[in-house]
Amino acid sequence: MKFYLLIIILSAFLDIVANLLLKKSNGFQNKISGICAIVSAILAFFLLSFALKHVPLSIAYSTWGAIGIIGTCAGGWILYKEKLNKIGILGIFLTIIAVILLNL
């Protein structure tokens, strides 16, 4: 099960990369970033589908989604100077708590 959790984490990081590249593509005006975003997203879903053969959907998808949300917010903050308001930060903490509870 721990191996498959690593697969889910890797998949989530690919999802983060895809999201950040999609932003960088500027509506596919930068075609290389756009194509790399599509490839990253496909690889992310491929890895997630592999993990779903061995991990319950509720655990896999919630973990994948939470890592993706948190990583994308962090990447947007670091790379694009995007900021979250207090409600957004609360949402991140609630997401983390929800995933922890689902994994218990």
PDB file of N, CA and C in Angstrom:
ATOM      1  N   MET A   1       0.831  -1.199   0.000  1.00  0.00           N
ATOM      2  CA  MET A   1       0.000   0.000   0.000  1.00  0.00           C
ATOM      3  C   MET A   1       0.874   1.261   0.000  1.00  0.00           C
ATOM      4  N   LYS A   2       2.023   1.227   0.688  1.00  0.00           N
ATOM      5  CA  LYS A   2       2.882   2.406   0.741  1.00  0.00           C
ATOM      6  C   LYS A   2       3.451   2.733  -0.639  1.00  0.00           C
ATOM      7  N   PHE A   3       3.759   1.701  -1.425  1.00  0.00           N
ATOM      8  CA  PHE A   3       4.247   1.923  -2.787  1.00  0.00           C
ATOM      9  C   PHE A   3       3.190   2.669  -3.598  1.00  0.00           C
ATOM     10  N   TYR A   4       1.938   2.287  -3.447  1.00  0.00           N
ATOM     11  CA  TYR A   4       0.868   2.915  -4.212  1.00  0.00           C
ATOM     12  C   TYR A   4       0.595   4.332  -3.735  1.00  0.00           C
ATOM     13  N   LEU A   5       0.849   4.606  -2.455  1.00  0.00           N
ATOM     14  CA  LEU A   5       0.732   5.971  -1.963  1.00  0.00           C
ATOM     15  C   LEU A   5       1.803   6.850  -2.619  1.00  0.00           C
ATOM     16  N   LEU A   6       2.994   6.309  -2.816  1.00  0.00           N
ATOM     17  CA  LEU A   6       4.038   7.049  -3.522  1.00  0.00           C
ATOM     18  C   LEU A   6       3.638   7.319  -4.972  1.00  0.00           C
ATOM     19  N   ILE A   7       2.975   6.357  -5.590  1.00  0.00           N
ATOM     20  CA  ILE A   7       2.477   6.538  -6.962  1.00  0.00           C
ATOM     21  C   ILE A   7       1.444   7.667  -6.995  1.00  0.00           C
ATOM     22  N   ILE A   8       0.567   7.703  -5.995  1.00  0.00           N
ATOM     23  CA  ILE A   8      -0.446   8.762  -5.913  1.00  0.00           C
ATOM     24  C   ILE A   8       0.222  10.120  -5.735  1.00  0.00           C
ATOM     25  N   ILE A   9       1.240  10.176  -4.883  1.00  0.00           N
ATOM     26  CA  ILE A   9       1.954  11.435  -4.660  1.00  0.00           C
ATOM     27  C   ILE A   9       2.654  11.890  -5.942  1.00  0.00           C
ATOM     28  N   LEU A  10       3.310  10.975  -6.635  1.00  0.00           N
ATOM     29  CA  LEU A  10       3.956  11.311  -7.911  1.00  0.00           C
ATOM     30  C   LEU A  10       2.922  11.811  -8.923  1.00  0.00           C
ATOM     31  N   SER A  11       1.786  11.146  -8.966  1.00  0.00           N
ATOM     32  CA  SER A  11       0.708  11.556  -9.859  1.00  0.00           C
ATOM     33  C   SER A  11       0.227  12.966  -9.523  1.00  0.00           C
ATOM     34  N   ALA A  12       0.105  13.251  -8.231  1.00  0.00           N
ATOM     35  CA  ALA A  12      -0.337  14.579  -7.805  1.00  0.00           C
ATOM     36  C   ALA A  12       0.682  15.644  -8.195  1.00  0.00           C
ATOM     37  N   PHE A  13       1.971  15.331  -8.083  1.00  0.00           N
ATOM     38  CA  PHE A  13       2.987  16.293  -8.494  1.00  0.00           C
ATOM     39  C   PHE A  13       2.935  16.549  -9.999  1.00  0.00           C
ATOM     40  N   LEU A  14       2.657  15.519 -10.767  1.00  0.00           N
ATOM     41  CA  LEU A  14       2.481  15.718 -12.208  1.00  0.00           C
ATOM     42  C   LEU A  14       1.262  16.595 -12.491  1.00  0.00           C
ATOM     43  N   ASP A  15       0.219  16.444 -11.683  1.00  0.00           N
ATOM     44  CA  ASP A  15      -0.964  17.284 -11.815  1.00  0.00           C
ATOM     45  C   ASP A  15      -0.627  18.744 -11.514  1.00  0.00           C
ATOM     46  N   ILE A  16       0.180  18.963 -10.487  1.00  0.00           N
ATOM     47  CA  ILE A  16       0.611  20.319 -10.147  1.00  0.00           C
ATOM     48  C   ILE A  16       1.397  20.922 -11.303  1.00  0.00           C
ATOM     49  N   VAL A  17       2.329  20.144 -11.834  1.00  0.00           N
ATOM     50  CA  VAL A  17       3.131  20.609 -12.980  1.00  0.00           C
ATOM     51  C   VAL A  17       2.210  20.961 -14.146  1.00  0.00           C
ATOM     52  N   ALA A  18       1.232  20.107 -14.415  1.00  0.00           N
ATOM     53  CA  ALA A  18       0.293  20.362 -15.508  1.00  0.00           C
ATOM     54  C   ALA A  18      -0.463  21.674 -15.288  1.00  0.00           C
ATOM     55  N   ASN A  19      -0.937  21.888 -14.061  1.00  0.00           N
ATOM     56  CA  ASN A  19      -1.694  23.112 -13.766  1.00  0.00           C
ATOM     57  C   ASN A  19      -0.833  24.356 -13.937  1.00  0.00           C
ATOM     58  N   LEU A  20       0.405  24.301 -13.434  1.00  0.00           N
ATOM     59  CA  LEU A  20       1.284  25.460 -13.529  1.00  0.00           C
ATOM     60  C   LEU A  20       1.717  25.722 -14.971  1.00  0.00           C
ATOM     61  N   LEU A  21       1.935  24.655 -15.731  1.00  0.00           N
ATOM     62  CA  LEU A  21       2.270  24.821 -17.151  1.00  0.00           C
ATOM     63  C   LEU A  21       1.087  25.373 -17.937  1.00  0.00           C
ATOM     64  N   LEU A  22      -0.107  24.970 -17.547  1.00  0.00           N
ATOM     65  CA  LEU A  22      -1.300  25.485 -18.220  1.00  0.00           C
ATOM     66  C   LEU A  22      -1.399  26.993 -18.031  1.00  0.00           C
ATOM     67  N   LYS A  23      -1.118  27.459 -16.817  1.00  0.00           N
ATOM     68  CA  LYS A  23      -1.098  28.901 -16.565  1.00  0.00           C
ATOM     69  C   LYS A  23      -0.012  29.569 -17.413  1.00  0.00           C
ATOM     70  N   LYS A  24       1.157  28.944 -17.458  1.00  0.00           N
ATOM     71  CA  LYS A  24       2.279  29.498 -18.222  1.00  0.00           C
ATOM     72  C   LYS A  24       1.973  29.539 -19.720  1.00  0.00           C
ATOM     73  N   SER A  25       1.134  28.622 -20.192  1.00  0.00           N
ATOM     74  CA  SER A  25       0.827  28.581 -21.622  1.00  0.00           C
ATOM     75  C   SER A  25       0.022  29.797 -22.078  1.00  0.00           C
ATOM     76  N   ASN A  26      -0.567  30.514 -21.119  1.00  0.00           N
ATOM     77  CA  ASN A  26      -1.321  31.731 -21.436  1.00  0.00           C
ATOM     78  C   ASN A  26      -2.400  31.457 -22.484  1.00  0.00           C
ATOM     79  N   GLY A  27      -3.270  30.506 -22.150  1.00  0.00           N
ATOM     80  CA  GLY A  27      -4.341  30.162 -23.083  1.00  0.00           C
ATOM     81  C   GLY A  27      -3.837  29.495 -24.351  1.00  0.00           C
ATOM     82  N   PHE A  28      -2.777  28.717 -24.222  1.00  0.00           N
ATOM     83  CA  PHE A  28      -2.131  27.996 -25.317  1.00  0.00           C
ATOM     84  C   PHE A  28      -1.468  28.916 -26.341  1.00  0.00           C
ATOM     85  N   GLN A  29      -1.205  30.164 -25.952  1.00  0.00           N
ATOM     86  CA  GLN A  29      -0.402  31.024 -26.825  1.00  0.00           C
ATOM     87  C   GLN A  29       1.040  30.526 -26.841  1.00  0.00           C
ATOM     88  N   ASN A  30       1.495  30.011 -25.689  1.00  0.00           N
ATOM     89  CA  ASN A  30       2.806  29.355 -25.611  1.00  0.00           C
ATOM     90  C   ASN A  30       2.533  27.862 -25.788  1.00  0.00           C
ATOM     91  N   LYS A  31       2.657  27.391 -27.008  1.00  0.00           N
ATOM     92  CA  LYS A  31       2.249  26.026 -27.347  1.00  0.00           C
ATOM     93  C   LYS A  31       3.077  24.955 -26.642  1.00  0.00           C
ATOM     94  N   ILE A  32       4.366  25.196 -26.452  1.00  0.00           N
ATOM     95  CA  ILE A  32       5.205  24.187 -25.785  1.00  0.00           C
ATOM     96  C   ILE A  32       4.731  23.974 -24.355  1.00  0.00           C
ATOM     97  N   SER A  33       4.456  25.048 -23.624  1.00  0.00           N
ATOM     98  CA  SER A  33       3.944  24.908 -22.259  1.00  0.00           C
ATOM     99  C   SER A  33       2.581  24.212 -22.262  1.00  0.00           C
ATOM    100  N   GLY A  34       1.739  24.553 -23.225  1.00  0.00           N
ATOM    101  CA  GLY A  34       0.417  23.937 -23.321  1.00  0.00           C
ATOM    102  C   GLY A  34       0.499  22.440 -23.594  1.00  0.00           C
ATOM    103  N   ILE A  35       1.355  22.056 -24.518  1.00  0.00           N
ATOM    104  CA  ILE A  35       1.515  20.634 -24.845  1.00  0.00           C
ATOM    105  C   ILE A  35       2.116  19.879 -23.662  1.00  0.00           C
ATOM    106  N   CYS A  36       3.104  20.490 -23.001  1.00  0.00           N
ATOM    107  CA  CYS A  36       3.697  19.856 -21.814  1.00  0.00           C
ATOM    108  C   CYS A  36       2.657  19.713 -20.693  1.00  0.00           C
ATOM    109  N   ALA A  37       1.747  20.673 -20.580  1.00  0.00           N
ATOM    110  CA  ALA A  37       0.674  20.588 -19.588  1.00  0.00           C
ATOM    111  C   ALA A  37      -0.228  19.388 -19.888  1.00  0.00           C
ATOM    112  N   ILE A  38      -0.578  19.203 -21.154  1.00  0.00           N
ATOM    113  CA  ILE A  38      -1.434  18.078 -21.548  1.00  0.00           C
ATOM    114  C   ILE A  38      -0.741  16.747 -21.268  1.00  0.00           C
ATOM    115  N   VAL A  39       0.530  16.657 -21.636  1.00  0.00           N
ATOM    116  CA  VAL A  39       1.284  15.416 -21.401  1.00  0.00           C
ATOM    117  C   VAL A  39       1.380  15.120 -19.906  1.00  0.00           C
ATOM    118  N   SER A  40       1.657  16.146 -19.104  1.00  0.00           N
ATOM    119  CA  SER A  40       1.750  15.961 -17.649  1.00  0.00           C
ATOM    120  C   SER A  40       0.415  15.492 -17.066  1.00  0.00           C
ATOM    121  N   ALA A  41      -0.671  16.072 -17.540  1.00  0.00           N
ATOM    122  CA  ALA A  41      -1.990  15.676 -17.042  1.00  0.00           C
ATOM    123  C   ALA A  41      -2.310  14.229 -17.414  1.00  0.00           C
ATOM    124  N   ILE A  42      -1.983  13.845 -18.633  1.00  0.00           N
ATOM    125  CA  ILE A  42      -2.223  12.458 -19.062  1.00  0.00           C
ATOM    126  C   ILE A  42      -1.408  11.488 -18.201  1.00  0.00           C
ATOM    127  N   LEU A  43      -0.142  11.813 -17.969  1.00  0.00           N
ATOM    128  CA  LEU A  43       0.694  10.957 -17.118  1.00  0.00           C
ATOM    129  C   LEU A  43       0.163  10.898 -15.688  1.00  0.00           C
ATOM    130  N   ALA A  44      -0.312  12.024 -15.191  1.00  0.00           N
ATOM    131  CA  ALA A  44      -0.874  12.055 -13.836  1.00  0.00           C
ATOM    132  C   ALA A  44      -2.071  11.119 -13.728  1.00  0.00           C
ATOM    133  N   PHE A  45      -2.982  11.185 -14.698  1.00  0.00           N
ATOM    134  CA  PHE A  45      -4.157  10.310 -14.663  1.00  0.00           C
ATOM    135  C   PHE A  45      -3.778   8.849 -14.884  1.00  0.00           C
ATOM    136  N   PHE A  46      -2.784   8.609 -15.697  1.00  0.00           N
ATOM    137  CA  PHE A  46      -2.327   7.238 -15.903  1.00  0.00           C
ATOM    138  C   PHE A  46      -1.815   6.641 -14.589  1.00  0.00           C
ATOM    139  N   LEU A  47      -0.969   7.387 -13.890  1.00  0.00           N
ATOM    140  CA  LEU A  47      -0.448   6.891 -12.611  1.00  0.00           C
ATOM    141  C   LEU A  47      -1.562   6.734 -11.581  1.00  0.00           C
ATOM    142  N   LEU A  48      -2.481   7.681 -11.543  1.00  0.00           N
ATOM    143  CA  LEU A  48      -3.598   7.574 -10.607  1.00  0.00           C
ATOM    144  C   LEU A  48      -4.428   6.332 -10.910  1.00  0.00           C
ATOM    145  N   SER A  49      -4.662   6.052 -12.181  1.00  0.00           N
ATOM    146  CA  SER A  49      -5.456   4.866 -12.541  1.00  0.00           C
ATOM    147  C   SER A  49      -4.742   3.583 -12.126  1.00  0.00           C
ATOM    148  N   PHE A  50      -3.424   3.572 -12.208  1.00  0.00           N
ATOM    149  CA  PHE A  50      -2.653   2.417 -11.759  1.00  0.00           C
ATOM    150  C   PHE A  50      -2.818   2.209 -10.256  1.00  0.00           C
ATOM    151  N   ALA A  51      -2.743   3.294  -9.496  1.00  0.00           N
ATOM    152  CA  ALA A  51      -2.885   3.202  -8.041  1.00  0.00           C
ATOM    153  C   ALA A  51      -4.296   2.773  -7.641  1.00  0.00           C
ATOM    154  N   LEU A  52      -5.291   3.145  -8.436  1.00  0.00           N
ATOM    155  CA  LEU A  52      -6.679   2.819  -8.097  1.00  0.00           C
ATOM    156  C   LEU A  52      -6.967   1.317  -8.138  1.00  0.00           C
ATOM    157  N   LYS A  53      -6.088   0.546  -8.753  1.00  0.00           N
ATOM    158  CA  LYS A  53      -6.260  -0.905  -8.754  1.00  0.00           C
ATOM    159  C   LYS A  53      -6.006  -1.487  -7.370  1.00  0.00           C
ATOM    160  N   HIS A  54      -5.301  -0.723  -6.517  1.00  0.00           N
ATOM    161  CA  HIS A  54      -4.865  -1.267  -5.232  1.00  0.00           C
ATOM    162  C   HIS A  54      -5.253  -0.410  -4.029  1.00  0.00           C
ATOM    163  N   VAL A  55      -5.728   0.803  -4.273  1.00  0.00           N
ATOM    164  CA  VAL A  55      -6.085   1.718  -3.190  1.00  0.00           C
ATOM    165  C   VAL A  55      -7.537   2.134  -3.384  1.00  0.00           C
ATOM    166  N   PRO A  56      -8.328   2.202  -2.301  1.00  0.00           N
ATOM    167  CA  PRO A  56      -9.722   2.641  -2.439  1.00  0.00           C
ATOM    168  C   PRO A  56      -9.809   4.037  -3.074  1.00  0.00           C
ATOM    169  N   LEU A  57     -10.815   4.223  -3.893  1.00  0.00           N
ATOM    170  CA  LEU A  57     -11.011   5.482  -4.605  1.00  0.00           C
ATOM    171  C   LEU A  57     -11.054   6.671  -3.651  1.00  0.00           C
ATOM    172  N   SER A  58     -11.765   6.540  -2.531  1.00  0.00           N
ATOM    173  CA  SER A  58     -11.900   7.667  -1.599  1.00  0.00           C
ATOM    174  C   SER A  58     -10.545   8.113  -1.059  1.00  0.00           C
ATOM    175  N   ILE A  59      -9.680   7.180  -0.775  1.00  0.00           N
ATOM    176  CA  ILE A  59      -8.343   7.508  -0.259  1.00  0.00           C
ATOM    177  C   ILE A  59      -7.481   8.089  -1.382  1.00  0.00           C
ATOM    178  N   ALA A  60      -7.444   7.402  -2.507  1.00  0.00           N
ATOM    179  CA  ALA A  60      -6.567   7.806  -3.603  1.00  0.00           C
ATOM    180  C   ALA A  60      -6.936   9.183  -4.142  1.00  0.00           C
ATOM    181  N   TYR A  61      -8.206   9.377  -4.452  1.00  0.00           N
ATOM    182  CA  TYR A  61      -8.590  10.620  -5.100  1.00  0.00           C
ATOM    183  C   TYR A  61      -8.520  11.808  -4.150  1.00  0.00           C
ATOM    184  N   SER A  62      -8.906  11.600  -2.892  1.00  0.00           N
ATOM    185  CA  SER A  62      -8.843  12.716  -1.942  1.00  0.00           C
ATOM    186  C   SER A  62      -7.397  13.121  -1.678  1.00  0.00           C
ATOM    187  N   THR A  63      -6.515  12.153  -1.566  1.00  0.00           N
ATOM    188  CA  THR A  63      -5.101  12.454  -1.350  1.00  0.00           C
ATOM    189  C   THR A  63      -4.526  13.163  -2.571  1.00  0.00           C
ATOM    190  N   TRP A  64      -4.801  12.616  -3.743  1.00  0.00           N
ATOM    191  CA  TRP A  64      -4.328  13.199  -5.001  1.00  0.00           C
ATOM    192  C   TRP A  64      -4.850  14.630  -5.166  1.00  0.00           C
ATOM    193  N   GLY A  65      -6.128  14.798  -4.927  1.00  0.00           N
ATOM    194  CA  GLY A  65      -6.732  16.117  -5.090  1.00  0.00           C
ATOM    195  C   GLY A  65      -6.186  17.140  -4.106  1.00  0.00           C
ATOM    196  N   ALA A  66      -6.014  16.726  -2.858  1.00  0.00           N
ATOM    197  CA  ALA A  66      -5.510  17.652  -1.841  1.00  0.00           C
ATOM    198  C   ALA A  66      -4.083  18.079  -2.143  1.00  0.00           C
ATOM    199  N   ILE A  67      -3.242  17.133  -2.512  1.00  0.00           N
ATOM    200  CA  ILE A  67      -1.859  17.486  -2.868  1.00  0.00           C
ATOM    201  C   ILE A  67      -1.864  18.416  -4.071  1.00  0.00           C
ATOM    202  N   GLY A  68      -2.727  18.115  -5.028  1.00  0.00           N
ATOM    203  CA  GLY A  68      -2.822  18.965  -6.220  1.00  0.00           C
ATOM    204  C   GLY A  68      -3.286  20.377  -5.895  1.00  0.00           C
ATOM    205  N   ILE A  69      -4.284  20.496  -5.038  1.00  0.00           N
ATOM    206  CA  ILE A  69      -4.801  21.815  -4.658  1.00  0.00           C
ATOM    207  C   ILE A  69      -3.740  22.613  -3.918  1.00  0.00           C
ATOM    208  N   ILE A  70      -3.146  21.990  -2.918  1.00  0.00           N
ATOM    209  CA  ILE A  70      -2.157  22.684  -2.097  1.00  0.00           C
ATOM    210  C   ILE A  70      -0.926  23.041  -2.933  1.00  0.00           C
ATOM    211  N   GLY A  71      -0.459  22.101  -3.728  1.00  0.00           N
ATOM    212  CA  GLY A  71       0.713  22.356  -4.559  1.00  0.00           C
ATOM    213  C   GLY A  71       0.470  23.414  -5.614  1.00  0.00           C
ATOM    214  N   THR A  72      -0.707  23.404  -6.213  1.00  0.00           N
ATOM    215  CA  THR A  72      -1.026  24.402  -7.221  1.00  0.00           C
ATOM    216  C   THR A  72      -1.133  25.792  -6.595  1.00  0.00           C
ATOM    217  N   CYS A  73      -1.744  25.866  -5.413  1.00  0.00           N
ATOM    218  CA  CYS A  73      -1.812  27.159  -4.710  1.00  0.00           C
ATOM    219  C   CYS A  73      -0.413  27.654  -4.360  1.00  0.00           C
ATOM    220  N   ALA A  74       0.438  26.755  -3.860  1.00  0.00           N
ATOM    221  CA  ALA A  74       1.810  27.140  -3.513  1.00  0.00           C
ATOM    222  C   ALA A  74       2.590  27.554  -4.760  1.00  0.00           C
ATOM    223  N   GLY A  75       2.442  26.791  -5.837  1.00  0.00           N
ATOM    224  CA  GLY A  75       3.122  27.132  -7.080  1.00  0.00           C
ATOM    225  C   GLY A  75       2.649  28.455  -7.651  1.00  0.00           C
ATOM    226  N   GLY A  76       1.348  28.699  -7.569  1.00  0.00           N
ATOM    227  CA  GLY A  76       0.804  29.975  -8.035  1.00  0.00           C
ATOM    228  C   GLY A  76       1.335  31.145  -7.220  1.00  0.00           C
ATOM    229  N   TRP A  77       1.511  30.912  -5.928  1.00  0.00           N
ATOM    230  CA  TRP A  77       2.044  31.946  -5.040  1.00  0.00           C
ATOM    231  C   TRP A  77       3.518  32.217  -5.352  1.00  0.00           C
ATOM    232  N   ILE A  78       4.286  31.144  -5.528  1.00  0.00           N
ATOM    233  CA  ILE A  78       5.730  31.287  -5.756  1.00  0.00           C
ATOM    234  C   ILE A  78       6.027  31.802  -7.162  1.00  0.00           C
ATOM    235  N   LEU A  79       5.406  31.187  -8.169  1.00  0.00           N
ATOM    236  CA  LEU A  79       5.755  31.505  -9.556  1.00  0.00           C
ATOM    237  C   LEU A  79       5.002  32.702 -10.135  1.00  0.00           C
ATOM    238  N   TYR A  80       3.756  32.874  -9.711  1.00  0.00           N
ATOM    239  CA  TYR A  80       2.913  33.886 -10.341  1.00  0.00           C
ATOM    240  C   TYR A  80       2.442  34.976  -9.381  1.00  0.00           C
ATOM    241  N   LYS A  81       2.967  34.947  -8.157  1.00  0.00           N
ATOM    242  CA  LYS A  81       2.644  35.959  -7.136  1.00  0.00           C
ATOM    243  C   LYS A  81       1.148  36.052  -6.835  1.00  0.00           C
ATOM    244  N   GLU A  82       0.436  34.920  -7.000  1.00  0.00           N
ATOM    245  CA  GLU A  82      -0.985  34.875  -6.665  1.00  0.00           C
ATOM    246  C   GLU A  82      -1.126  34.649  -5.156  1.00  0.00           C
ATOM    247  N   LYS A  83      -2.113  35.290  -4.563  1.00  0.00           N
ATOM    248  CA  LYS A  83      -2.297  35.192  -3.117  1.00  0.00           C
ATOM    249  C   LYS A  83      -3.674  34.654  -2.791  1.00  0.00           C
ATOM    250  N   LEU A  84      -3.759  33.954  -1.651  1.00  0.00           N
ATOM    251  CA  LEU A  84      -5.035  33.482  -1.134  1.00  0.00           C
ATOM    252  C   LEU A  84      -5.503  34.435  -0.047  1.00  0.00           C
ATOM    253  N   ASN A  85      -6.812  34.625   0.043  1.00  0.00           N
ATOM    254  CA  ASN A  85      -7.337  35.394   1.159  1.00  0.00           C
ATOM    255  C   ASN A  85      -7.497  34.464   2.368  1.00  0.00           C
ATOM    256  N   LYS A  86      -7.981  34.987   3.475  1.00  0.00           N
ATOM    257  CA  LYS A  86      -8.101  34.195   4.708  1.00  0.00           C
ATOM    258  C   LYS A  86      -9.028  32.994   4.534  1.00  0.00           C
ATOM    259  N   ILE A  87     -10.089  33.165   3.787  1.00  0.00           N
ATOM    260  CA  ILE A  87     -11.018  32.055   3.545  1.00  0.00           C
ATOM    261  C   ILE A  87     -10.332  30.964   2.733  1.00  0.00           C
ATOM    262  N   GLY A  88      -9.523  31.348   1.749  1.00  0.00           N
ATOM    263  CA  GLY A  88      -8.772  30.379   0.946  1.00  0.00           C
ATOM    264  C   GLY A  88      -7.783  29.591   1.795  1.00  0.00           C
ATOM    265  N   ILE A  89      -7.104  30.285   2.698  1.00  0.00           N
ATOM    266  CA  ILE A  89      -6.150  29.616   3.594  1.00  0.00           C
ATOM    267  C   ILE A  89      -6.894  28.655   4.513  1.00  0.00           C
ATOM    268  N   LEU A  90      -8.046  29.067   5.018  1.00  0.00           N
ATOM    269  CA  LEU A  90      -8.868  28.172   5.835  1.00  0.00           C
ATOM    270  C   LEU A  90      -9.276  26.944   5.022  1.00  0.00           C
ATOM    271  N   GLY A  91      -9.620  27.144   3.768  1.00  0.00           N
ATOM    272  CA  GLY A  91      -9.987  26.030   2.892  1.00  0.00           C
ATOM    273  C   GLY A  91      -8.857  25.028   2.732  1.00  0.00           C
ATOM    274  N   ILE A  92      -7.633  25.528   2.629  1.00  0.00           N
ATOM    275  CA  ILE A  92      -6.462  24.637   2.528  1.00  0.00           C
ATOM    276  C   ILE A  92      -6.344  23.795   3.797  1.00  0.00           C
ATOM    277  N   PHE A  93      -6.475  24.425   4.960  1.00  0.00           N
ATOM    278  CA  PHE A  93      -6.374  23.678   6.220  1.00  0.00           C
ATOM    279  C   PHE A  93      -7.494  22.644   6.343  1.00  0.00           C
ATOM    280  N   LEU A  94      -8.701  23.008   5.927  1.00  0.00           N
ATOM    281  CA  LEU A  94      -9.812  22.057   5.974  1.00  0.00           C
ATOM    282  C   LEU A  94      -9.582  20.890   5.018  1.00  0.00           C
ATOM    283  N   THR A  95      -8.980  21.163   3.884  1.00  0.00           N
ATOM    284  CA  THR A  95      -8.653  20.102   2.933  1.00  0.00           C
ATOM    285  C   THR A  95      -7.660  19.124   3.547  1.00  0.00           C
ATOM    286  N   ILE A  96      -6.642  19.654   4.192  1.00  0.00           N
ATOM    287  CA  ILE A  96      -5.641  18.802   4.851  1.00  0.00           C
ATOM    288  C   ILE A  96      -6.297  17.952   5.929  1.00  0.00           C
ATOM    289  N   ILE A  97      -7.147  18.569   6.732  1.00  0.00           N
ATOM    290  CA  ILE A  97      -7.837  17.818   7.806  1.00  0.00           C
ATOM    291  C   ILE A  97      -8.719  16.724   7.209  1.00  0.00           C
ATOM    292  N   ALA A  98      -9.431  17.045   6.135  1.00  0.00           N
ATOM    293  CA  ALA A  98     -10.319  16.067   5.503  1.00  0.00           C
ATOM    294  C   ALA A  98      -9.538  14.852   5.005  1.00  0.00           C
ATOM    295  N   VAL A  99      -8.391  15.070   4.387  1.00  0.00           N
ATOM    296  CA  VAL A  99      -7.588  13.958   3.871  1.00  0.00           C
ATOM    297  C   VAL A  99      -7.030  13.121   5.021  1.00  0.00           C
ATOM    298  N   ILE A 100      -6.599  13.787   6.075  1.00  0.00           N
ATOM    299  CA  ILE A 100      -6.115  13.050   7.243  1.00  0.00           C
ATOM    300  C   ILE A 100      -7.209  12.163   7.805  1.00  0.00           C
ATOM    301  N   LEU A 101      -8.409  12.706   7.927  1.00  0.00           N
ATOM    302  CA  LEU A 101      -9.534  11.925   8.459  1.00  0.00           C
ATOM    303  C   LEU A 101      -9.889  10.753   7.550  1.00  0.00           C
ATOM    304  N   LEU A 102      -9.856  10.967   6.254  1.00  0.00           N
ATOM    305  CA  LEU A 102     -10.160   9.873   5.325  1.00  0.00           C
ATOM    306  C   LEU A 102      -9.109   8.775   5.361  1.00  0.00           C
ATOM    307  N   ASN A 103      -7.880   9.131   5.689  1.00  0.00           N
ATOM    308  CA  ASN A 103      -6.815   8.141   5.724  1.00  0.00           C
ATOM    309  C   ASN A 103      -6.707   7.407   7.057  1.00  0.00           C
ATOM    310  N   LEU A 104      -7.504   7.776   8.022  1.00  0.00           N
ATOM    311  CA  LEU A 104      -7.473   7.079   9.324  1.00  0.00           C
ATOM    312  C   LEU A 104      -8.155   5.734   9.259  1.00  0.00           C
TER     313      LEU A 104
END
